[in-house]
Amino acid sequence: MPNLGPMEWILILLVLILLFGAKKLPDTAKALGQSLRLFKKETSKLSDEEEAKQATVRAEAQTVAPPPAQIPPATPSVEERLRALEEENRKLRETQQPVSSQNEPRSN
């Protein structure tokens, strides 16, 4: 981009005065300055919020403790398993007996 010399700046200023008028030029410059300040403020808020989110994620990652080592369940002995199976078998037989007596044919 070519450098702007003093003559170019004078020409730009002259065009602005002609477009906006001498009385409205300060108000226009003030409004432009306020708009730029507001824009910078909002963009800095966005970057601050993004940094805060990243810091929170990092902090959570550091504070999360590793899961405790799981203790494998104690395996029952063969005798205990045999007793449990026999008990289950007995319960199944008890539930089957009333059903089979209901299914018997009735004698007249």
N, C-alpha and C. Protein backbone atom coordinates (compact mmCIF):
# COMPACT_ATOMS: atom_id res chain seq x y z
N MET A 1 0.85 -1.17 0.00
CA MET A 1 0.00 0.00 0.00
C MET A 1 0.89 1.23 0.00
N PRO A 2 0.62 2.18 -0.83
CA PRO A 2 1.48 3.36 -0.90
C PRO A 2 1.35 4.21 0.37
N ASN A 3 2.44 4.87 0.72
CA ASN A 3 2.44 5.75 1.89
C ASN A 3 1.64 7.01 1.59
N LEU A 4 0.91 7.46 2.60
CA LEU A 4 0.13 8.69 2.44
C LEU A 4 0.96 9.87 2.92
N GLY A 5 1.15 10.82 2.05
CA GLY A 5 1.90 12.01 2.39
C GLY A 5 0.97 13.10 2.89
N PRO A 6 1.53 14.28 3.19
CA PRO A 6 0.71 15.36 3.72
C PRO A 6 -0.35 15.84 2.72
N MET A 7 -0.04 15.81 1.46
CA MET A 7 -1.02 16.25 0.48
C MET A 7 -2.23 15.32 0.41
N GLU A 8 -1.98 14.02 0.52
CA GLU A 8 -3.08 13.06 0.49
C GLU A 8 -3.97 13.23 1.72
N TRP A 9 -3.38 13.43 2.91
CA TRP A 9 -4.15 13.63 4.13
C TRP A 9 -5.01 14.88 4.03
N ILE A 10 -4.46 15.95 3.46
CA ILE A 10 -5.23 17.18 3.29
C ILE A 10 -6.41 16.93 2.35
N LEU A 11 -6.16 16.18 1.29
CA LEU A 11 -7.22 15.87 0.34
C LEU A 11 -8.32 15.03 0.99
N ILE A 12 -7.95 14.02 1.80
CA ILE A 12 -8.93 13.17 2.50
C ILE A 12 -9.73 14.02 3.48
N LEU A 13 -9.07 14.91 4.21
CA LEU A 13 -9.74 15.77 5.18
C LEU A 13 -10.73 16.70 4.47
N LEU A 14 -10.33 17.22 3.33
CA LEU A 14 -11.19 18.10 2.54
C LEU A 14 -12.45 17.37 2.08
N VAL A 15 -12.28 16.14 1.61
CA VAL A 15 -13.43 15.34 1.16
C VAL A 15 -14.37 15.06 2.33
N LEU A 16 -13.81 14.74 3.49
CA LEU A 16 -14.64 14.48 4.66
C LEU A 16 -15.43 15.72 5.07
N ILE A 17 -14.79 16.87 5.03
CA ILE A 17 -15.49 18.11 5.38
C ILE A 17 -16.62 18.38 4.40
N LEU A 18 -16.36 18.13 3.14
CA LEU A 18 -17.41 18.35 2.14
C LEU A 18 -18.58 17.37 2.32
N LEU A 19 -18.28 16.11 2.66
CA LEU A 19 -19.33 15.10 2.81
C LEU A 19 -20.17 15.34 4.07
N PHE A 20 -19.51 15.55 5.20
CA PHE A 20 -20.22 15.62 6.46
C PHE A 20 -20.49 17.04 6.93
N GLY A 21 -19.78 17.99 6.45
CA GLY A 21 -19.92 19.36 6.93
C GLY A 21 -19.02 19.59 8.12
N ALA A 22 -18.61 20.81 8.33
CA ALA A 22 -17.66 21.16 9.39
C ALA A 22 -18.26 20.95 10.76
N LYS A 23 -19.57 21.13 10.91
CA LYS A 23 -20.20 21.00 12.22
C LYS A 23 -20.40 19.54 12.63
N LYS A 24 -20.65 18.66 11.67
CA LYS A 24 -20.93 17.26 11.99
C LYS A 24 -19.67 16.40 12.06
N LEU A 25 -18.57 16.91 11.58
CA LEU A 25 -17.34 16.12 11.57
C LEU A 25 -16.87 15.73 12.97
N PRO A 26 -16.85 16.63 13.98
CA PRO A 26 -16.45 16.21 15.34
C PRO A 26 -17.39 15.14 15.92
N ASP A 27 -18.69 15.29 15.69
CA ASP A 27 -19.64 14.29 16.20
C ASP A 27 -19.41 12.93 15.54
N THR A 28 -19.12 12.95 14.26
CA THR A 28 -18.87 11.71 13.53
C THR A 28 -17.60 11.04 14.05
N ALA A 29 -16.56 11.85 14.29
CA ALA A 29 -15.31 11.30 14.83
C ALA A 29 -15.52 10.74 16.23
N LYS A 30 -16.33 11.42 17.04
CA LYS A 30 -16.62 10.94 18.39
C LYS A 30 -17.37 9.61 18.33
N ALA A 31 -18.36 9.51 17.46
CA ALA A 31 -19.13 8.27 17.32
C ALA A 31 -18.23 7.13 16.84
N LEU A 32 -17.33 7.45 15.91
CA LEU A 32 -16.40 6.44 15.43
C LEU A 32 -15.47 5.96 16.55
N GLY A 33 -15.00 6.88 17.37
CA GLY A 33 -14.13 6.52 18.50
C GLY A 33 -14.86 5.64 19.51
N GLN A 34 -16.12 5.98 19.80
CA GLN A 34 -16.90 5.17 20.74
C GLN A 34 -17.15 3.77 20.18
N SER A 35 -17.42 3.70 18.90
CA SER A 35 -17.64 2.40 18.27
C SER A 35 -16.39 1.53 18.34
N LEU A 36 -15.22 2.15 18.10
CA LEU A 36 -13.97 1.39 18.17
C LEU A 36 -13.70 0.92 19.60
N ARG A 37 -13.96 1.78 20.61
CA ARG A 37 -13.76 1.38 22.00
C ARG A 37 -14.68 0.23 22.38
N LEU A 38 -15.93 0.32 21.96
CA LEU A 38 -16.89 -0.75 22.25
C LEU A 38 -16.46 -2.06 21.58
N PHE A 39 -15.99 -1.98 20.35
CA PHE A 39 -15.54 -3.16 19.63
C PHE A 39 -14.35 -3.81 20.34
N LYS A 40 -13.38 -2.99 20.74
CA LYS A 40 -12.21 -3.52 21.45
C LYS A 40 -12.61 -4.15 22.78
N LYS A 41 -13.54 -3.51 23.49
CA LYS A 41 -14.00 -4.03 24.78
C LYS A 41 -14.65 -5.40 24.61
N GLU A 42 -15.52 -5.53 23.63
CA GLU A 42 -16.21 -6.79 23.40
C GLU A 42 -15.26 -7.89 22.95
N THR A 43 -14.30 -7.56 22.09
CA THR A 43 -13.35 -8.59 21.65
C THR A 43 -12.44 -9.02 22.79
N SER A 44 -12.09 -8.09 23.68
CA SER A 44 -11.27 -8.48 24.82
C SER A 44 -12.07 -9.35 25.78
N LYS A 45 -13.37 -9.07 25.93
CA LYS A 45 -14.22 -9.93 26.77
C LYS A 45 -14.27 -11.35 26.22
N LEU A 46 -14.41 -11.46 24.89
CA LEU A 46 -14.45 -12.79 24.29
C LEU A 46 -13.16 -13.56 24.54
N SER A 47 -12.03 -12.88 24.38
CA SER A 47 -10.76 -13.57 24.60
C SER A 47 -10.57 -13.92 26.07
N ASP A 48 -11.04 -13.03 26.98
CA ASP A 48 -10.95 -13.32 28.42
C ASP A 48 -11.83 -14.51 28.78
N GLU A 49 -13.04 -14.58 28.21
CA GLU A 49 -13.92 -15.71 28.49
C GLU A 49 -13.31 -17.01 27.97
N GLU A 50 -12.70 -16.95 26.79
CA GLU A 50 -12.07 -18.15 26.23
C GLU A 50 -10.91 -18.62 27.11
N GLU A 51 -10.11 -17.67 27.61
CA GLU A 51 -9.00 -18.02 28.49
C GLU A 51 -9.51 -18.59 29.80
N ALA A 52 -10.60 -18.03 30.32
CA ALA A 52 -11.18 -18.53 31.57
C ALA A 52 -11.68 -19.96 31.39
N LYS A 53 -12.32 -20.23 30.25
CA LYS A 53 -12.80 -21.60 29.98
C LYS A 53 -11.64 -22.58 29.91
N GLN A 54 -10.57 -22.17 29.23
CA GLN A 54 -9.42 -23.05 29.11
C GLN A 54 -8.78 -23.28 30.47
N ALA A 55 -8.72 -22.24 31.29
CA ALA A 55 -8.14 -22.38 32.63
C ALA A 55 -9.00 -23.31 33.48
N THR A 56 -10.32 -23.19 33.34
CA THR A 56 -11.22 -24.06 34.10
C THR A 56 -11.04 -25.51 33.68
N VAL A 57 -10.92 -25.74 32.39
CA VAL A 57 -10.74 -27.10 31.90
C VAL A 57 -9.42 -27.67 32.41
N ARG A 58 -8.37 -26.84 32.36
CA ARG A 58 -7.07 -27.31 32.87
C ARG A 58 -7.15 -27.62 34.36
N ALA A 59 -7.82 -26.74 35.12
CA ALA A 59 -7.93 -26.96 36.57
C ALA A 59 -8.72 -28.23 36.87
N GLU A 60 -9.81 -28.44 36.12
CA GLU A 60 -10.59 -29.65 36.35
C GLU A 60 -9.80 -30.90 35.99
N ALA A 61 -9.01 -30.81 34.94
CA ALA A 61 -8.21 -31.96 34.54
C ALA A 61 -7.16 -32.29 35.60
N GLN A 62 -6.65 -31.27 36.25
CA GLN A 62 -5.63 -31.51 37.27
C GLN A 62 -6.25 -32.00 38.57
N THR A 63 -7.46 -31.52 38.90
CA THR A 63 -8.05 -31.89 40.18
C THR A 63 -8.76 -33.23 40.15
N VAL A 64 -9.08 -33.74 38.99
CA VAL A 64 -9.76 -35.02 38.90
C VAL A 64 -8.77 -36.11 39.29
N ALA A 65 -9.12 -36.81 40.34
CA ALA A 65 -8.25 -37.87 40.83
C ALA A 65 -8.45 -39.12 39.97
N PRO A 66 -7.41 -39.90 39.80
CA PRO A 66 -7.59 -41.13 39.05
C PRO A 66 -8.53 -42.06 39.81
N PRO A 67 -9.28 -42.87 39.10
CA PRO A 67 -10.22 -43.75 39.79
C PRO A 67 -9.48 -44.72 40.70
N PRO A 68 -10.06 -45.03 41.84
CA PRO A 68 -9.38 -45.95 42.75
C PRO A 68 -9.25 -47.33 42.11
N ALA A 69 -8.20 -48.00 42.48
CA ALA A 69 -7.98 -49.33 41.94
C ALA A 69 -9.11 -50.23 42.40
N GLN A 70 -9.73 -50.89 41.47
CA GLN A 70 -10.85 -51.75 41.83
C GLN A 70 -10.33 -53.07 42.36
N ILE A 71 -10.90 -53.44 43.46
CA ILE A 71 -10.52 -54.71 44.08
C ILE A 71 -11.40 -55.79 43.45
N PRO A 72 -10.77 -56.80 42.89
CA PRO A 72 -11.59 -57.85 42.28
C PRO A 72 -12.42 -58.55 43.35
N PRO A 73 -13.65 -58.91 43.02
CA PRO A 73 -14.49 -59.58 44.02
C PRO A 73 -13.88 -60.92 44.40
N ALA A 74 -14.06 -61.22 45.65
CA ALA A 74 -13.53 -62.50 46.14
C ALA A 74 -14.32 -63.63 45.49
N THR A 75 -13.62 -64.58 44.93
CA THR A 75 -14.30 -65.70 44.29
C THR A 75 -14.70 -66.71 45.35
N PRO A 76 -15.97 -67.13 45.33
CA PRO A 76 -16.39 -68.11 46.33
C PRO A 76 -15.71 -69.46 46.06
N SER A 77 -15.56 -70.18 47.11
CA SER A 77 -14.94 -71.50 46.96
C SER A 77 -15.90 -72.43 46.23
N VAL A 78 -15.38 -73.55 45.83
CA VAL A 78 -16.18 -74.53 45.09
C VAL A 78 -17.34 -75.02 45.96
N GLU A 79 -17.09 -75.22 47.24
CA GLU A 79 -18.14 -75.71 48.13
C GLU A 79 -19.27 -74.68 48.26
N GLU A 80 -18.90 -73.39 48.36
CA GLU A 80 -19.93 -72.35 48.47
C GLU A 80 -20.76 -72.26 47.19
N ARG A 81 -20.10 -72.40 46.06
CA ARG A 81 -20.84 -72.37 44.80
C ARG A 81 -21.77 -73.56 44.69
N LEU A 82 -21.30 -74.73 45.14
CA LEU A 82 -22.13 -75.94 45.10
C LEU A 82 -23.35 -75.78 45.99
N ARG A 83 -23.17 -75.21 47.18
CA ARG A 83 -24.30 -74.97 48.08
C ARG A 83 -25.30 -74.00 47.45
N ALA A 84 -24.79 -72.95 46.82
CA ALA A 84 -25.68 -71.96 46.19
C ALA A 84 -26.47 -72.61 45.06
N LEU A 85 -25.82 -73.45 44.25
CA LEU A 85 -26.51 -74.12 43.16
C LEU A 85 -27.57 -75.09 43.69
N GLU A 86 -27.24 -75.82 44.76
CA GLU A 86 -28.21 -76.74 45.34
C GLU A 86 -29.42 -75.98 45.88
N GLU A 87 -29.18 -74.84 46.52
CA GLU A 87 -30.28 -74.02 47.04
C GLU A 87 -31.16 -73.50 45.90
N GLU A 88 -30.53 -73.06 44.83
CA GLU A 88 -31.29 -72.58 43.67
C GLU A 88 -32.10 -73.72 43.05
N ASN A 89 -31.50 -74.91 42.99
CA ASN A 89 -32.19 -76.07 42.44
C ASN A 89 -33.41 -76.42 43.30
N ARG A 90 -33.24 -76.37 44.61
CA ARG A 90 -34.35 -76.67 45.53
C ARG A 90 -35.49 -75.68 45.34
N LYS A 91 -35.15 -74.38 45.18
CA LYS A 91 -36.18 -73.36 44.99
C LYS A 91 -36.92 -73.57 43.67
N LEU A 92 -36.20 -73.95 42.64
CA LEU A 92 -36.83 -74.21 41.34
C LEU A 92 -37.78 -75.40 41.43
N ARG A 93 -37.38 -76.43 42.14
CA ARG A 93 -38.25 -77.61 42.28
C ARG A 93 -39.52 -77.25 43.03
N GLU A 94 -39.38 -76.41 44.07
CA GLU A 94 -40.56 -76.01 44.84
C GLU A 94 -41.53 -75.22 43.97
N THR A 95 -41.01 -74.39 43.10
CA THR A 95 -41.91 -73.61 42.24
C THR A 95 -42.55 -74.48 41.17
N GLN A 96 -41.90 -75.55 40.78
CA GLN A 96 -42.44 -76.44 39.74
C GLN A 96 -43.51 -77.36 40.29
N GLN A 97 -43.46 -77.74 41.54
CA GLN A 97 -44.43 -78.69 42.10
C GLN A 97 -45.86 -78.16 42.05
N PRO A 98 -46.16 -76.96 42.49
CA PRO A 98 -47.55 -76.51 42.41
C PRO A 98 -48.04 -76.40 40.96
N VAL A 99 -47.18 -76.06 40.06
CA VAL A 99 -47.58 -75.94 38.66
C VAL A 99 -47.94 -77.32 38.11
N SER A 100 -47.12 -78.33 38.43
CA SER A 100 -47.41 -79.67 37.89
C SER A 100 -48.67 -80.24 38.50
N SER A 101 -49.00 -79.91 39.76
CA SER A 101 -50.23 -80.44 40.35
C SER A 101 -51.45 -79.77 39.73
N GLN A 102 -51.33 -78.56 39.27
CA GLN A 102 -52.45 -77.89 38.63
C GLN A 102 -52.67 -78.44 37.22
N ASN A 103 -51.64 -78.93 36.58
CA ASN A 103 -51.76 -79.42 35.22
C ASN A 103 -52.25 -80.85 35.13
N GLU A 104 -52.34 -81.54 36.26
CA GLU A 104 -52.79 -82.93 36.26
C GLU A 104 -54.25 -82.99 35.81
N PRO A 105 -54.59 -84.03 35.03
CA PRO A 105 -55.99 -84.12 34.60
C PRO A 105 -56.90 -84.45 35.77
N ARG A 106 -58.08 -83.86 35.75
CA ARG A 106 -59.05 -84.07 36.83
C ARG A 106 -59.86 -85.34 36.55
N SER A 107 -60.10 -86.06 37.58
CA SER A 107 -60.92 -87.26 37.40
C SER A 107 -62.35 -86.94 37.80
N ASN A 108 -63.33 -87.39 37.01
CA ASN A 108 -64.74 -87.13 37.28
C ASN A 108 -65.39 -88.29 37.95
